[in-house]
């Protein structure tokens, strides 16, 4: 690519950055892996991803486990990959080693993560962890749900999406976010709320920002593209936690992206085999909770927002803003002299129906199959090397490991 005229009427923009991805390697490569995940990322115009610490085995809660994960990436990175460490009960003494080894943040859960080796933290655990994290000025990423009694008959009607939605009410999320705001204030520790789904939490987040706290928040493509009213029963491809909520709620999430209350969009790509996803049974109570969508961050988000947001406002939600969050905004997220040559060429006006054969992540299981999405990726360039072109991976292993310096 010699100049912008080479792309014709298409859009040339910085590569998309997805800072919330579950790759599952080492240890659960029957779910996903670095090679398949990063191929799917490239096909979607995503040139940088950040891997979560909990779905690999061992979980990334020590320097030793982090080293094992780094070793597992060899000859498998088709885009750039960074990593988070994990905070669990009793591992506060491991956090400094993880941070010095280069993780970009520390992730915790306030409810059961789904992985027994990655238990949720309590407020007491966070009292130990947050001063350490604050010392190094990296973010603590929090899955914000706190279990409280709620009225649901999910056990009686395990295929009912309505009952699943009632089983994880907004108040779980709102109360957890309020707790994280309090702790952020106490320790001046950067706090990031992952996958915000409750619109009722938005005023809390807005107030924390106005107070000047180091507080950020994301939502995911599936929370602004799908709506609970349209989700059929016994369809576990839509199950995630927190759940996809009602249209009125989700319209407020879109508005919060426009005003800056929510900082950027991610996928929370969390794939699983069909048996674990309960595709055959439709049992929402038992199914693994996670949306497989890494390849569709750009088109799903753009399709959801295009009628009410200009491209100039939309593009930073997938580029500049996540780059700033992981403190890479001096080398990623823009097209400028001195910045990494992570680029994509796409057509925001072209619409395409997603079919299973399009999918490059390991399992062709996704709620986006059958959806018509605007925004087709013609070319993805990683570190100056064209990885995706003409609907094919044309070069492999162009990605690099990203560590905090």
Protein backbone atom coordinates (compact mmCIF):
# COMPACT_ATOMS: atom_id res chain seq x y z
CA UNK A 1 0.00 0.00 0.00
CA UNK A 2 1.74 3.16 -1.21
CA UNK A 3 -0.90 5.81 -0.52
CA UNK A 4 -4.50 6.27 0.53
CA UNK A 5 -5.70 6.19 -3.09
CA UNK A 6 -4.95 2.47 -3.17
CA UNK A 7 -8.05 1.77 -1.09
CA UNK A 8 -10.44 3.48 -3.49
CA UNK A 9 -13.72 4.39 -1.83
CA UNK A 10 -13.04 2.18 1.18
CA UNK A 11 -11.98 3.43 4.60
CA UNK A 12 -8.35 3.20 5.74
CA UNK A 13 -8.18 3.32 9.53
CA UNK A 14 -6.06 2.12 12.45
CA UNK A 15 -6.40 -1.54 13.30
CA UNK A 16 -9.16 -2.38 15.76
CA UNK A 17 -8.08 -3.10 19.36
CA UNK A 18 -10.12 -5.59 21.39
CA UNK A 19 -9.00 -5.48 25.01
CA UNK A 20 -11.31 -8.24 26.29
CA UNK A 21 -10.72 -11.69 24.78
CA UNK A 22 -10.62 -15.22 26.23
CA UNK A 23 -8.14 -17.31 24.24
CA UNK A 24 -8.01 -20.32 26.64
CA UNK A 25 -4.46 -21.45 25.85
CA UNK A 26 -2.67 -23.28 27.37
CA UNK A 27 -4.89 -25.98 28.81
CA UNK A 28 -8.25 -25.43 27.12
CA UNK A 29 -7.34 -25.37 23.46
CA UNK A 30 -10.37 -27.54 22.69
CA UNK A 31 -12.25 -24.29 23.40
CA UNK A 32 -9.95 -21.89 21.49
CA UNK A 33 -6.25 -21.14 21.05
CA UNK A 34 -3.84 -18.42 19.98
CA UNK A 35 -3.67 -19.47 16.32
CA UNK A 36 -7.41 -19.71 15.69
CA UNK A 37 -8.29 -16.67 17.82
CA UNK A 38 -5.75 -14.42 16.15
CA UNK A 39 -6.74 -15.55 12.66
CA UNK A 40 -10.34 -14.66 13.49
CA UNK A 41 -9.21 -11.32 14.86
CA UNK A 42 -7.36 -10.47 11.65
CA UNK A 43 -10.37 -11.44 9.55
CA UNK A 44 -12.39 -8.92 11.54
CA UNK A 45 -9.84 -6.12 11.18
CA UNK A 46 -8.66 -6.54 14.78
CA UNK A 47 -4.88 -6.12 14.92
CA UNK A 48 -4.38 -6.14 18.71
CA UNK A 49 -6.13 -8.17 21.41
CA UNK A 50 -5.64 -8.58 25.16
CA UNK A 51 -6.11 -12.04 26.68
CA UNK A 52 -7.95 -12.64 29.94
CA UNK A 53 -6.31 -14.72 32.70
CA UNK A 54 -9.00 -17.18 33.77
CA UNK A 55 -9.79 -19.68 31.00
CA UNK A 56 -6.30 -21.02 30.49
CA UNK A 57 -4.94 -23.84 32.60
CA UNK A 58 -3.07 -22.85 34.66
CA UNK A 59 -4.93 -19.61 35.25
CA UNK A 60 -2.67 -16.55 34.97
CA UNK A 61 -2.43 -15.70 38.66
CA UNK A 62 1.34 -16.06 39.10
CA UNK A 63 4.52 -15.17 37.24
CA UNK A 64 5.14 -18.88 36.63
CA UNK A 65 1.73 -19.33 34.99
CA UNK A 66 2.30 -16.18 32.91
CA UNK A 67 5.57 -17.60 31.63
CA UNK A 68 3.75 -20.79 30.60
CA UNK A 69 1.19 -18.74 28.69
CA UNK A 70 3.90 -16.77 26.89
CA UNK A 71 5.60 -20.03 25.87
CA UNK A 72 2.31 -21.29 24.44
CA UNK A 73 2.13 -18.38 21.99
CA UNK A 74 5.17 -19.44 19.95
CA UNK A 75 4.49 -19.33 16.20
CA UNK A 76 0.79 -18.73 16.83
CA UNK A 77 0.34 -14.95 16.88
CA UNK A 78 -1.29 -13.61 13.73
CA UNK A 79 -2.08 -10.29 15.46
CA UNK A 80 -0.55 -8.52 18.45
CA UNK A 81 -1.46 -9.96 21.85
CA UNK A 82 -1.19 -8.50 25.33
CA UNK A 83 -2.19 -10.14 28.61
CA UNK A 84 -3.86 -9.52 31.95
CA UNK A 85 -3.00 -11.18 35.23
CA UNK A 86 -5.59 -12.28 37.73
CA UNK A 87 -6.49 -11.37 41.31
CA UNK A 88 -7.94 -14.22 43.35
CA UNK A 89 -8.15 -14.83 47.11
CA UNK A 90 -4.69 -15.36 48.56
CA UNK A 91 -2.52 -14.31 45.60
CA UNK A 92 -1.77 -10.69 46.52
CA UNK A 93 1.90 -11.67 46.90
CA UNK A 94 1.94 -12.74 43.23
CA UNK A 95 0.64 -9.47 41.79
CA UNK A 96 3.92 -7.55 41.79
CA UNK A 97 5.65 -10.36 39.89
CA UNK A 98 2.90 -10.39 37.28
CA UNK A 99 3.01 -6.63 36.88
CA UNK A 100 6.80 -6.53 36.56
CA UNK A 101 6.56 -9.32 33.96
CA UNK A 102 4.48 -6.99 31.79
CA UNK A 103 0.77 -7.69 32.21
CA UNK A 104 -1.39 -4.78 31.09
CA UNK A 105 -3.87 -5.00 33.95
CA UNK A 106 -5.23 -7.24 36.69
CA UNK A 107 -8.65 -8.92 36.37
CA UNK A 108 -10.97 -9.95 39.19
CA UNK A 109 -14.48 -11.33 39.59
CA UNK A 110 -16.99 -10.32 42.25
CA UNK A 111 -19.07 -13.42 41.53
CA UNK A 112 -18.10 -16.97 40.55
CA UNK A 113 -16.12 -16.83 37.31
CA UNK A 114 -17.25 -20.20 36.02
CA UNK A 115 -13.71 -21.50 36.49
CA UNK A 116 -13.12 -23.07 39.90
CA UNK A 117 -9.39 -22.27 39.78
CA UNK A 118 -10.26 -18.57 39.45
CA UNK A 119 -12.52 -17.85 42.47
CA UNK A 120 -14.09 -14.47 43.05
CA UNK A 121 -12.57 -11.94 45.40
CA UNK A 122 -14.18 -10.31 48.42
CA UNK A 123 -13.84 -6.72 49.55
CA UNK A 124 -11.18 -7.91 51.99
CA UNK A 125 -9.18 -9.45 49.14
CA UNK A 126 -9.41 -6.18 47.20
CA UNK A 127 -8.21 -4.26 50.26
CA UNK A 128 -5.00 -6.29 49.96
CA UNK A 129 -4.66 -6.18 46.17
CA UNK A 130 -5.57 -2.63 45.24
CA UNK A 131 -2.69 -0.80 46.97
CA UNK A 132 -0.25 -3.00 45.03
CA UNK A 133 -2.01 -2.39 41.71
CA UNK A 134 -2.28 1.36 42.42
CA UNK A 135 1.48 1.53 43.05
CA UNK A 136 2.10 0.55 39.42
CA UNK A 137 -0.78 2.59 37.98
CA UNK A 138 -2.29 -0.21 35.92
CA UNK A 139 -6.03 -0.93 35.83
CA UNK A 140 -7.94 -3.38 37.97
CA UNK A 141 -10.58 -4.86 35.67
CA UNK A 142 -13.70 -6.01 37.51
CA UNK A 143 -16.48 -8.36 36.50
CA UNK A 144 -19.21 -6.59 38.43
CA UNK A 145 -21.97 -8.83 39.69
CA UNK A 146 -22.62 -9.53 43.38
CA UNK A 147 -24.96 -12.45 44.07
CA UNK A 148 -28.08 -11.43 45.92
CA UNK A 149 -31.42 -13.23 46.35
CA UNK A 150 -33.63 -12.77 43.30
CA UNK A 151 -36.95 -14.09 42.07
CA UNK A 152 -36.52 -16.54 39.23
CA UNK A 153 -37.82 -19.93 38.22
CA UNK A 154 -34.87 -20.81 36.03
CA UNK A 155 -34.45 -24.18 37.73
CA UNK A 156 -38.06 -24.98 36.81
CA UNK A 157 -37.84 -23.54 33.28
CA UNK A 158 -34.15 -23.92 32.36
CA UNK A 159 -34.68 -23.12 28.67
CA UNK A 160 -36.48 -19.81 29.32
CA UNK A 161 -34.42 -16.75 28.38
CA UNK A 162 -36.80 -14.57 30.41
CA UNK A 163 -36.05 -16.60 33.54
CA UNK A 164 -32.31 -16.49 32.81
CA UNK A 165 -32.53 -12.71 32.56
CA UNK A 166 -34.33 -12.55 35.91
CA UNK A 167 -31.65 -14.78 37.47
CA UNK A 168 -28.98 -12.08 36.99
CA UNK A 169 -30.81 -8.79 37.65
CA UNK A 170 -29.43 -5.31 37.10
CA UNK A 171 -29.09 -4.72 40.83
CA UNK A 172 -26.32 -7.35 41.01
CA UNK A 173 -24.30 -5.25 38.58
CA UNK A 174 -25.25 -1.86 40.00
CA UNK A 175 -24.30 -2.81 43.56
CA UNK A 176 -20.96 -4.26 42.44
CA UNK A 177 -20.11 -1.13 40.48
CA UNK A 178 -20.96 1.02 43.51
CA UNK A 179 -18.54 -1.07 45.57
CA UNK A 180 -15.76 -0.65 42.99
CA UNK A 181 -16.30 3.11 42.93
CA UNK A 182 -15.90 3.20 46.71
CA UNK A 183 -12.69 1.15 46.57
CA UNK A 184 -11.35 3.22 43.68
CA UNK A 185 -11.83 6.30 45.82
CA UNK A 186 -10.23 4.67 48.85
CA UNK A 187 -7.05 3.54 47.09
CA UNK A 188 -6.85 5.85 44.05
CA UNK A 189 -6.39 2.65 42.07
CA UNK A 190 -7.41 2.73 38.40
CA UNK A 191 -10.59 0.68 38.06
CA UNK A 192 -12.18 -0.55 34.86
CA UNK A 193 -15.65 -2.08 34.67
CA UNK A 194 -15.82 -4.76 32.00
CA UNK A 195 -18.93 -5.55 29.92
CA UNK A 196 -21.41 -3.06 31.39
CA UNK A 197 -24.92 -4.30 30.59
CA UNK A 198 -27.11 -2.43 33.11
CA UNK A 199 -28.17 1.05 32.06
CA UNK A 200 -29.03 1.77 35.69
CA UNK A 201 -25.30 1.75 36.46
CA UNK A 202 -24.53 4.51 33.97
CA UNK A 203 -25.26 7.43 36.36
CA UNK A 204 -22.91 5.84 38.91
CA UNK A 205 -20.13 5.62 36.33
CA UNK A 206 -20.76 9.15 35.11
CA UNK A 207 -20.62 10.53 38.67
CA UNK A 208 -17.35 8.67 39.39
CA UNK A 209 -15.78 10.23 36.31
CA UNK A 210 -17.02 13.71 37.18
CA UNK A 211 -15.50 13.26 40.63
CA UNK A 212 -12.16 12.77 38.90
CA UNK A 213 -11.65 9.16 39.92
CA UNK A 214 -9.44 6.98 37.67
CA UNK A 215 -12.50 5.07 36.50
CA UNK A 216 -13.31 3.64 33.06
CA UNK A 217 -15.92 1.28 31.65
CA UNK A 218 -16.68 -0.69 28.50
CA UNK A 219 -19.66 -2.40 26.98
CA UNK A 220 -19.67 -5.21 24.42
CA UNK A 221 -20.92 -5.45 20.87
CA UNK A 222 -23.59 -7.99 21.79
CA UNK A 223 -25.16 -5.67 24.38
CA UNK A 224 -25.80 -2.99 21.77
CA UNK A 225 -26.58 -5.25 18.80
CA UNK A 226 -28.97 -7.82 20.32
CA UNK A 227 -31.99 -7.28 22.58
CA UNK A 228 -33.63 -9.64 25.08
CA UNK A 229 -37.05 -9.32 23.45
CA UNK A 230 -35.76 -10.99 20.28
CA UNK A 231 -33.83 -13.84 21.90
CA UNK A 232 -35.63 -17.18 21.57
CA UNK A 233 -35.85 -19.71 24.37
CA UNK A 234 -33.48 -22.69 24.42
CA UNK A 235 -30.89 -20.77 22.40
CA UNK A 236 -27.71 -20.90 24.47
CA UNK A 237 -25.60 -19.07 21.88
CA UNK A 238 -26.95 -15.87 23.44
CA UNK A 239 -26.09 -16.76 27.03
CA UNK A 240 -23.54 -14.49 28.65
CA UNK A 241 -23.04 -12.91 32.05
CA UNK A 242 -24.24 -10.30 32.68
CA UNK A 243 -27.10 -11.14 30.29
CA UNK A 244 -28.18 -9.29 27.16
CA UNK A 245 -30.95 -7.01 28.41
CA UNK A 246 -34.01 -5.29 26.96
CA UNK A 247 -33.98 -2.91 23.99
CA UNK A 248 -34.81 0.17 26.08
CA UNK A 249 -31.86 -0.60 28.36
CA UNK A 250 -29.52 -1.19 25.46
CA UNK A 251 -30.43 2.06 23.73
CA UNK A 252 -29.12 3.80 26.84
CA UNK A 253 -25.81 1.93 26.49
CA UNK A 254 -25.51 3.25 22.94
CA UNK A 255 -26.14 6.79 24.15
CA UNK A 256 -23.49 6.36 26.84
CA UNK A 257 -20.92 5.48 24.18
CA UNK A 258 -21.76 8.71 22.37
CA UNK A 259 -21.37 10.85 25.50
CA UNK A 260 -18.21 9.16 26.82
CA UNK A 261 -19.77 7.64 29.93
CA UNK A 262 -18.73 4.31 28.39
CA UNK A 263 -15.22 4.48 26.98
CA UNK A 264 -15.07 1.81 24.30
CA UNK A 265 -16.46 -1.48 22.95
CA UNK A 266 -15.07 -5.02 23.27
CA UNK A 267 -16.24 -8.53 22.43
CA UNK A 268 -15.60 -10.49 25.63
CA UNK A 269 -15.03 -13.33 23.16
CA UNK A 270 -15.65 -16.43 25.28
CA UNK A 271 -16.04 -19.51 23.07
CA UNK A 272 -16.82 -23.07 24.08
CA UNK A 273 -17.51 -26.43 22.43
CA UNK A 274 -21.13 -27.24 21.56
CA UNK A 275 -21.49 -29.74 24.40
CA UNK A 276 -20.46 -27.21 27.06
CA UNK A 277 -22.60 -24.56 25.42
CA UNK A 278 -25.61 -26.94 25.68
CA UNK A 279 -26.49 -26.33 22.03
CA UNK A 280 -28.49 -29.56 21.82
CA UNK A 281 -30.36 -29.26 25.13
CA UNK A 282 -30.97 -25.51 25.21
CA UNK A 283 -30.42 -25.57 28.98
CA UNK A 284 -29.57 -22.00 29.91
CA UNK A 285 -28.96 -22.92 33.52
CA UNK A 286 -26.17 -25.35 32.65
CA UNK A 287 -24.69 -23.77 29.51
CA UNK A 288 -21.33 -22.02 29.53
CA UNK A 289 -21.93 -18.28 29.54
CA UNK A 290 -20.07 -16.52 26.79
CA UNK A 291 -20.56 -14.95 23.36
CA UNK A 292 -18.25 -16.01 20.54
CA UNK A 293 -17.79 -12.82 18.54
CA UNK A 294 -14.13 -11.86 18.16
CA UNK A 295 -14.40 -11.70 14.37
CA UNK A 296 -17.42 -9.40 14.45
CA UNK A 297 -16.50 -6.53 16.78
CA UNK A 298 -16.24 -3.99 13.96
CA UNK A 299 -19.32 -4.91 11.87
CA UNK A 300 -21.64 -5.70 14.79
CA UNK A 301 -20.77 -2.47 16.60
CA UNK A 302 -21.03 -0.39 13.44
CA UNK A 303 -24.35 -1.98 12.47
CA UNK A 304 -25.72 -1.18 15.93
CA UNK A 305 -24.52 2.44 15.93
CA UNK A 306 -24.39 3.56 12.29
CA UNK A 307 -27.80 5.22 12.18
CA UNK A 308 -27.01 7.52 15.10
CA UNK A 309 -23.23 7.94 15.10
CA UNK A 310 -20.82 9.34 12.52
CA UNK A 311 -17.79 7.27 11.52
CA UNK A 312 -15.51 9.93 13.00
CA UNK A 313 -17.11 9.36 16.40
CA UNK A 314 -17.34 5.58 16.02
CA UNK A 315 -13.79 4.70 14.97
CA UNK A 316 -12.08 5.92 18.20
CA UNK A 317 -14.33 3.57 20.23
CA UNK A 318 -12.42 0.67 18.67
CA UNK A 319 -8.99 2.28 18.26
CA UNK A 320 -7.82 5.38 20.18
CA UNK A 321 -9.85 4.78 23.32
CA UNK A 322 -8.82 1.17 23.98
CA UNK A 323 -5.22 2.08 23.06
CA UNK A 324 -5.28 4.78 25.73
CA UNK A 325 -6.74 2.34 28.25
CA UNK A 326 -3.84 -0.11 27.88
CA UNK A 327 -1.38 2.81 27.73
CA UNK A 328 -0.33 2.16 24.14
CA UNK A 329 -1.73 5.41 22.75
CA UNK A 330 1.72 6.66 21.81
CA UNK A 331 2.14 3.80 19.30
CA UNK A 332 -1.31 2.36 18.53
CA UNK A 333 -4.80 3.60 17.77
CA UNK A 334 -3.89 6.27 15.20
CA UNK A 335 -2.37 6.59 11.76
CA UNK A 336 0.58 8.89 12.38
CA UNK A 337 4.33 9.07 11.98
CA UNK A 338 6.01 6.85 14.56
CA UNK A 339 2.95 4.70 15.17
CA UNK A 340 2.86 0.95 14.57
CA UNK A 341 1.73 -0.05 11.08
CA UNK A 342 -1.46 -1.77 12.29
CA UNK A 343 -4.10 -0.85 9.72
CA UNK A 344 -7.30 -2.05 8.13
CA UNK A 345 -9.23 -1.31 4.97
CA UNK A 346 -12.99 -1.76 5.12
CA UNK A 347 -16.25 -0.79 3.49
CA UNK A 348 -18.71 0.52 6.08
CA UNK A 349 -21.54 0.62 3.54
CA UNK A 350 -21.36 -2.97 2.38
CA UNK A 351 -23.71 -5.42 4.10
CA UNK A 352 -23.08 -9.14 4.33
CA UNK A 353 -24.91 -12.07 5.88
CA UNK A 354 -22.65 -13.99 8.24
CA UNK A 355 -22.44 -17.72 7.52
CA UNK A 356 -20.72 -20.42 9.55
CA UNK A 357 -18.05 -20.92 6.89
CA UNK A 358 -16.91 -17.32 7.47
CA UNK A 359 -15.82 -18.09 11.01
CA UNK A 360 -12.14 -18.62 11.79
CA UNK A 361 -12.33 -19.03 15.55
CA UNK A 362 -12.29 -22.68 16.63
CA UNK A 363 -15.99 -23.45 17.00
CA UNK A 364 -18.47 -22.17 14.44
CA UNK A 365 -20.94 -21.29 17.18
CA UNK A 366 -22.06 -17.66 17.35
CA UNK A 367 -25.26 -15.62 17.58
CA UNK A 368 -23.96 -13.55 14.67
CA UNK A 369 -24.46 -16.42 12.20
CA UNK A 370 -27.40 -15.48 10.01
CA UNK A 371 -27.17 -11.78 10.87
CA UNK A 372 -26.69 -9.16 8.15
CA UNK A 373 -23.90 -6.85 9.26
CA UNK A 374 -22.62 -3.65 7.70
CA UNK A 375 -18.87 -3.29 7.33
CA UNK A 376 -16.71 -5.71 5.39
CA UNK A 377 -12.97 -5.97 5.96
CA UNK A 378 -10.89 -6.04 2.78
CA UNK A 379 -7.43 -5.95 4.31
CA UNK A 380 -5.83 -6.18 7.73
CA UNK A 381 -2.19 -5.17 8.19
CA UNK A 382 -0.27 -6.13 11.34
CA UNK A 383 3.16 -4.58 11.98
CA UNK A 384 3.33 -3.64 8.30
CA UNK A 385 2.50 -7.15 7.05
CA UNK A 386 -0.77 -7.89 5.28
CA UNK A 387 -2.38 -10.75 7.20
CA UNK A 388 -5.93 -10.73 5.79
CA UNK A 389 -6.81 -9.96 2.18
CA UNK A 390 -9.40 -11.20 -0.34
CA UNK A 391 -11.21 -13.16 2.39
CA UNK A 392 -8.11 -15.18 3.26
CA UNK A 393 -5.24 -15.29 5.70
CA UNK A 394 -2.30 -14.50 3.42
CA UNK A 395 0.53 -14.25 5.95
CA UNK A 396 0.85 -15.83 9.38
CA UNK A 397 2.85 -15.07 12.54
CA UNK A 398 2.94 -11.32 11.95
CA UNK A 399 1.84 -10.50 15.49
CA UNK A 400 3.96 -9.59 18.49
CA UNK A 401 3.67 -10.04 22.24
CA UNK A 402 2.80 -6.77 23.98
CA UNK A 403 4.02 -6.16 27.51
CA UNK A 404 3.77 -3.18 29.81
CA UNK A 405 7.10 -1.37 29.83
